[in-house]
Amino acid sequence: MTPPRRRDALGRRVAPAIERVESNHDPKVAISEHLGLLITGGITLAVVWRLLAVSRYDVTTAMGVLQTAGTTNVAVGGFVASLPTLIGIAAYPAYQRFRRWIAPRSSVERSAAGMLMSPFAVVVVALVPVFLVLVAMTAGVLLHLLRWLLRKRGTAPSTPRDRVSRFEAATVNIAVLLTALTTTLSLPWMPAESISVAGAKPFKGYVIGSREDQLVVLDEHDRGRLVVVDTTKTEHSYCADETWLSKSVFGLFARPRYPQCPSS
């Protein structure tokens, strides 16, 4: 049955009021409510992206790597290999939070907090790859240059219009993030090895796994295909394939522990 219509003081029919339920559009609340789903989706996306990037975006090779190595090895190995870069990426929002927290403090408190945080900052810079440090420094220089150009264009020394907008800063930050992720995800999580089959010239590759008396190898010269070799006729040993850009600051001053990988 339809509900009876109400009447006003003059006897005219009044349509029933529609109750409006205000929805909460706060992004932080939405993220907290679906945090588990977002983490699961992010891990899945990272695993799939890494498989495709390592396999030069060849689906057959990516499925072969996943079948041979297993999902756990791909996820854990990829996380460990990306840990230095992830530390560098996470350090930036942590630094921004620290700046907002320390801004209203007194000069003595700011000096004391800065001295306490300095060792952590040095460790973070020393752990992350050199290329990420250079990318972050370049982005900072570009932002300061953009701010200087905007201030120089205006008549006032510092007006809201002359400041770098959130969109411009976010664009630079996203570009740095995508550059770091793309560069990191394309690197295999397995250690590089010097592989020689039946006494032939050694080549650089990555041993994905083994099955019976065979090794499944990802050839560095052609990452788009997997090579299956006989273990009884194959010699392989770990080698160093890092360039100075992919090394950490600590790694630049450490002596090499493995021989250099053969050139492709």
Protein backbone atom coordinates (compact mmCIF):
# COMPACT_ATOMS: atom_id res chain seq x y z
CA MET A 1 0.00 0.00 0.00
CA THR A 2 1.18 3.49 -0.75
CA PRO A 3 1.61 5.71 2.30
CA PRO A 4 -1.09 8.39 2.71
CA ARG A 5 -0.14 11.84 1.56
CA ARG A 6 0.13 14.50 4.23
CA ARG A 7 -1.75 17.79 4.02
CA ASP A 8 -0.62 21.27 4.98
CA ALA A 9 -2.58 23.87 6.97
CA LEU A 10 -4.61 24.83 3.87
CA GLY A 11 -5.56 21.23 3.16
CA ARG A 12 -3.29 20.80 0.16
CA ARG A 13 -1.53 17.51 -0.37
CA VAL A 14 2.18 17.48 0.41
CA ALA A 15 4.55 14.94 -1.14
CA PRO A 16 6.48 12.88 1.44
CA ALA A 17 9.92 14.24 2.20
CA ILE A 18 12.83 12.28 0.87
CA GLU A 19 15.43 11.62 3.49
CA ARG A 20 18.91 12.28 2.24
CA VAL A 21 21.65 10.17 3.65
CA GLU A 22 24.91 12.00 3.63
CA SER A 23 27.71 9.80 2.44
CA ASN A 24 31.23 10.12 3.71
CA HIS A 25 33.53 10.97 0.83
CA ASP A 26 36.67 11.31 2.94
CA PRO A 27 39.44 9.46 1.03
CA LYS A 28 41.27 8.57 4.24
CA VAL A 29 38.18 6.83 5.64
CA ALA A 30 37.61 4.96 2.37
CA ILE A 31 41.25 3.81 2.30
CA SER A 32 41.16 2.65 5.93
CA GLU A 33 37.96 0.69 5.31
CA HIS A 34 39.46 -1.15 2.31
CA LEU A 35 43.10 -1.27 3.40
CA GLY A 36 43.38 -5.06 3.20
CA LEU A 37 41.87 -5.14 -0.29
CA LEU A 38 44.20 -2.36 -1.46
CA ILE A 39 47.28 -4.13 -0.07
CA THR A 40 46.29 -7.42 -1.72
CA GLY A 41 45.61 -5.70 -5.02
CA GLY A 42 48.88 -3.77 -4.83
CA ILE A 43 50.92 -6.92 -4.17
CA THR A 44 49.19 -8.76 -7.01
CA LEU A 45 49.76 -5.87 -9.40
CA ALA A 46 53.43 -5.61 -8.37
CA VAL A 47 53.99 -9.37 -8.91
CA VAL A 48 52.33 -9.32 -12.35
CA TRP A 49 54.11 -6.14 -13.40
CA ARG A 50 57.47 -7.50 -12.26
CA LEU A 51 56.97 -10.80 -14.09
CA LEU A 52 56.14 -9.00 -17.32
CA ALA A 53 58.96 -6.45 -16.95
CA VAL A 54 61.59 -9.11 -16.24
CA SER A 55 60.32 -11.18 -19.19
CA ARG A 56 60.40 -8.19 -21.56
CA TYR A 57 56.59 -8.29 -21.55
CA ASP A 58 56.45 -11.71 -23.19
CA VAL A 59 53.45 -13.52 -21.69
CA THR A 60 54.77 -17.03 -22.46
CA THR A 61 58.10 -16.31 -20.77
CA ALA A 62 56.36 -14.68 -17.80
CA MET A 63 54.14 -17.74 -17.30
CA GLY A 64 57.20 -20.00 -17.58
CA VAL A 65 59.04 -17.97 -14.93
CA LEU A 66 56.01 -18.12 -12.63
CA GLN A 67 55.58 -21.86 -13.12
CA THR A 68 59.25 -22.60 -12.48
CA ALA A 69 59.98 -20.17 -9.65
CA GLY A 70 56.60 -20.19 -7.91
CA THR A 71 54.49 -17.30 -6.69
CA THR A 72 56.14 -17.18 -3.25
CA ASN A 73 59.66 -16.89 -4.67
CA VAL A 74 58.55 -14.22 -7.11
CA ALA A 75 56.79 -12.16 -4.42
CA VAL A 76 59.42 -12.52 -1.67
CA GLY A 77 62.40 -12.24 -4.03
CA GLY A 78 60.91 -9.23 -5.76
CA PHE A 79 60.27 -7.53 -2.42
CA VAL A 80 63.82 -8.14 -1.16
CA ALA A 81 65.33 -6.93 -4.44
CA SER A 82 63.15 -3.79 -4.39
CA LEU A 83 63.65 -3.04 -0.68
CA PRO A 84 66.38 -0.37 -1.10
CA THR A 85 64.26 1.48 -3.66
CA LEU A 86 61.11 1.14 -1.52
CA ILE A 87 63.00 2.62 1.44
CA GLY A 88 63.96 5.61 -0.69
CA ILE A 89 60.38 6.05 -1.93
CA ALA A 90 58.93 5.81 1.59
CA ALA A 91 61.52 8.26 2.94
CA TYR A 92 60.06 11.20 1.02
CA PRO A 93 56.52 11.21 2.56
CA ALA A 94 58.11 10.49 5.94
CA TYR A 95 60.30 13.57 5.50
CA GLN A 96 57.28 15.69 4.53
CA ARG A 97 55.40 14.52 7.64
CA PHE A 98 58.43 15.32 9.76
CA ARG A 99 58.62 18.84 8.30
CA ARG A 100 54.93 19.50 9.04
CA TRP A 101 55.36 18.15 12.57
CA ILE A 102 58.48 20.18 13.33
CA ALA A 103 57.30 23.48 11.75
CA PRO A 104 55.36 24.85 14.77
CA ARG A 105 58.11 23.90 17.25
CA SER A 106 60.67 26.24 18.72
CA SER A 107 64.11 26.66 17.20
CA VAL A 108 65.70 24.62 19.99
CA GLU A 109 63.27 21.73 19.45
CA ARG A 110 63.80 21.85 15.68
CA SER A 111 67.58 21.72 16.14
CA ALA A 112 67.35 18.81 18.57
CA ALA A 113 64.95 16.85 16.32
CA GLY A 114 67.17 17.51 13.32
CA MET A 115 70.22 16.16 15.14
CA LEU A 116 68.30 13.03 16.16
CA MET A 117 67.03 12.41 12.63
CA SER A 118 70.35 13.05 10.89
CA PRO A 119 71.77 9.51 11.44
CA PHE A 120 68.59 7.94 10.03
CA ALA A 121 68.73 10.23 7.00
CA VAL A 122 72.36 9.31 6.37
CA VAL A 123 71.54 5.57 6.57
CA VAL A 124 68.59 5.93 4.19
CA VAL A 125 70.65 7.87 1.63
CA ALA A 126 73.46 5.32 1.89
CA LEU A 127 71.11 2.34 1.39
CA VAL A 128 69.10 3.49 -1.62
CA PRO A 129 70.49 3.15 -5.16
CA VAL A 130 72.55 6.01 -6.51
CA PHE A 131 70.19 6.57 -9.43
CA LEU A 132 67.27 7.18 -7.04
CA VAL A 133 69.31 9.72 -5.09
CA LEU A 134 70.14 11.50 -8.35
CA VAL A 135 66.50 11.42 -9.49
CA ALA A 136 65.31 12.86 -6.16
CA MET A 137 67.98 15.58 -6.25
CA THR A 138 67.06 16.45 -9.85
CA ALA A 139 63.36 16.66 -8.95
CA GLY A 140 64.17 18.94 -6.01
CA VAL A 141 66.29 21.21 -8.19
CA LEU A 142 63.50 21.39 -10.81
CA LEU A 143 60.91 22.31 -8.18
CA HIS A 144 63.12 25.06 -6.74
CA LEU A 145 63.88 26.31 -10.25
CA LEU A 146 60.17 26.38 -11.09
CA ARG A 147 59.41 28.26 -7.87
CA TRP A 148 62.17 30.78 -8.64
CA LEU A 149 60.88 31.35 -12.17
CA LEU A 150 57.33 31.88 -10.93
CA ARG A 151 58.47 34.36 -8.31
CA LYS A 152 60.60 36.22 -10.82
CA ARG A 153 57.67 36.55 -13.20
CA GLY A 154 55.42 38.24 -10.61
CA THR A 155 55.72 41.72 -9.16
CA ALA A 156 55.46 40.65 -5.53
CA PRO A 157 58.30 38.61 -4.03
CA SER A 158 56.02 35.87 -2.76
CA THR A 159 52.32 35.62 -3.52
CA PRO A 160 50.07 32.53 -3.60
CA ARG A 161 50.09 32.69 -7.40
CA ASP A 162 53.90 32.58 -7.50
CA ARG A 163 54.11 29.41 -5.45
CA VAL A 164 54.34 25.97 -6.96
CA SER A 165 50.87 24.47 -6.98
CA ARG A 166 50.03 21.10 -5.51
CA PHE A 167 49.37 19.78 -9.01
CA GLU A 168 52.85 20.75 -10.21
CA ALA A 169 54.52 19.25 -7.14
CA ALA A 170 52.41 16.09 -7.40
CA THR A 171 53.31 15.76 -11.09
CA VAL A 172 57.03 15.82 -10.30
CA ASN A 173 56.57 13.39 -7.40
CA ILE A 174 54.57 10.94 -9.52
CA ALA A 175 57.17 11.15 -12.29
CA VAL A 176 59.93 10.31 -9.79
CA LEU A 177 57.87 7.45 -8.37
CA LEU A 178 57.10 5.94 -11.78
CA THR A 179 60.75 6.27 -12.85
CA ALA A 180 61.93 4.47 -9.72
CA LEU A 181 59.32 1.72 -10.00
CA THR A 182 59.85 1.14 -13.72
CA THR A 183 63.62 0.94 -13.31
CA THR A 184 63.40 -1.34 -10.27
CA LEU A 185 60.71 -3.71 -11.51
CA SER A 186 62.61 -4.47 -14.72
CA LEU A 187 65.53 -5.90 -12.70
CA PRO A 188 65.39 -9.66 -11.96
CA TRP A 189 65.24 -10.67 -8.30
CA MET A 190 67.60 -13.61 -8.89
CA PRO A 191 71.37 -13.06 -8.68
CA ALA A 192 73.19 -12.84 -11.99
CA GLU A 193 75.34 -15.84 -12.93
CA SER A 194 78.06 -16.63 -15.43
CA ILE A 195 76.82 -19.72 -17.31
CA SER A 196 78.86 -21.90 -19.65
CA VAL A 197 77.26 -24.85 -21.50
CA ALA A 198 79.57 -27.67 -22.71
CA GLY A 199 82.66 -25.46 -22.49
CA ALA A 200 81.20 -22.76 -24.73
CA LYS A 201 81.71 -19.05 -24.16
CA PRO A 202 80.03 -18.08 -20.88
CA PHE A 203 77.03 -15.81 -20.94
CA LYS A 204 75.19 -13.84 -18.32
CA GLY A 205 71.89 -15.28 -17.15
CA TYR A 206 69.57 -15.92 -14.24
CA VAL A 207 68.77 -19.42 -13.01
CA ILE A 208 65.01 -19.46 -12.47
CA GLY A 209 64.85 -23.02 -11.15
CA SER A 210 65.64 -26.64 -11.87
CA ARG A 211 63.68 -29.70 -12.93
CA GLU A 212 65.24 -33.15 -12.75
CA ASP A 213 68.68 -32.78 -14.43
CA GLN A 214 67.93 -29.49 -16.20
CA LEU A 215 68.27 -25.81 -15.35
CA VAL A 216 65.77 -23.20 -16.51
CA VAL A 217 67.74 -20.05 -17.34
CA LEU A 218 66.64 -16.55 -18.28
CA ASP A 219 69.20 -15.30 -20.78
CA GLU A 220 70.19 -11.67 -20.20
CA HIS A 221 70.92 -11.21 -23.91
CA ASP A 222 67.30 -12.09 -24.76
CA ARG A 223 65.06 -11.84 -21.72
CA GLY A 224 62.04 -12.69 -23.85
CA ARG A 225 62.82 -16.41 -23.82
CA LEU A 226 63.79 -19.13 -21.35
CA VAL A 227 66.69 -21.52 -22.00
CA VAL A 228 66.74 -25.09 -20.66
CA VAL A 229 70.26 -26.53 -20.23
CA ASP A 230 71.64 -29.84 -19.00
CA THR A 231 73.12 -29.62 -15.49
CA THR A 232 75.77 -32.27 -16.25
CA LYS A 233 77.20 -30.11 -19.05
CA THR A 234 76.75 -26.69 -17.46
CA GLU A 235 79.00 -24.66 -15.20
CA HIS A 236 77.56 -21.62 -13.49
CA SER A 237 78.69 -19.26 -10.75
CA TYR A 238 77.53 -15.96 -9.30
CA CYS A 239 78.88 -12.75 -10.82
CA ALA A 240 78.54 -9.02 -10.28
CA ASP A 241 76.49 -7.10 -12.84
CA GLU A 242 75.76 -3.87 -10.99
CA THR A 243 76.68 -0.54 -12.53
CA TRP A 244 77.59 2.40 -10.33
CA LEU A 245 74.09 3.82 -10.81
CA SER A 246 72.37 0.68 -9.49
CA LYS A 247 74.70 0.37 -6.50
CA SER A 248 74.01 1.92 -3.13
CA VAL A 249 76.27 4.62 -1.73
CA PHE A 250 77.76 1.98 0.58
CA GLY A 251 78.33 -0.29 -2.42
CA LEU A 252 80.35 2.37 -4.23
CA PHE A 253 83.09 2.13 -1.58
CA ALA A 254 82.90 -1.64 -0.94
CA ARG A 255 85.31 -3.97 -2.70
CA PRO A 256 83.73 -6.39 -5.22
CA ARG A 257 82.98 -9.83 -3.81
CA TYR A 258 82.19 -11.55 -7.12
CA PRO A 259 83.87 -11.49 -10.56
CA GLN A 260 82.43 -9.32 -13.26
CA CYS A 261 79.70 -10.89 -15.39
CA PRO A 262 80.55 -11.70 -19.01
CA SER A 263 79.41 -9.17 -21.58
CA SER A 264 76.47 -10.18 -23.74
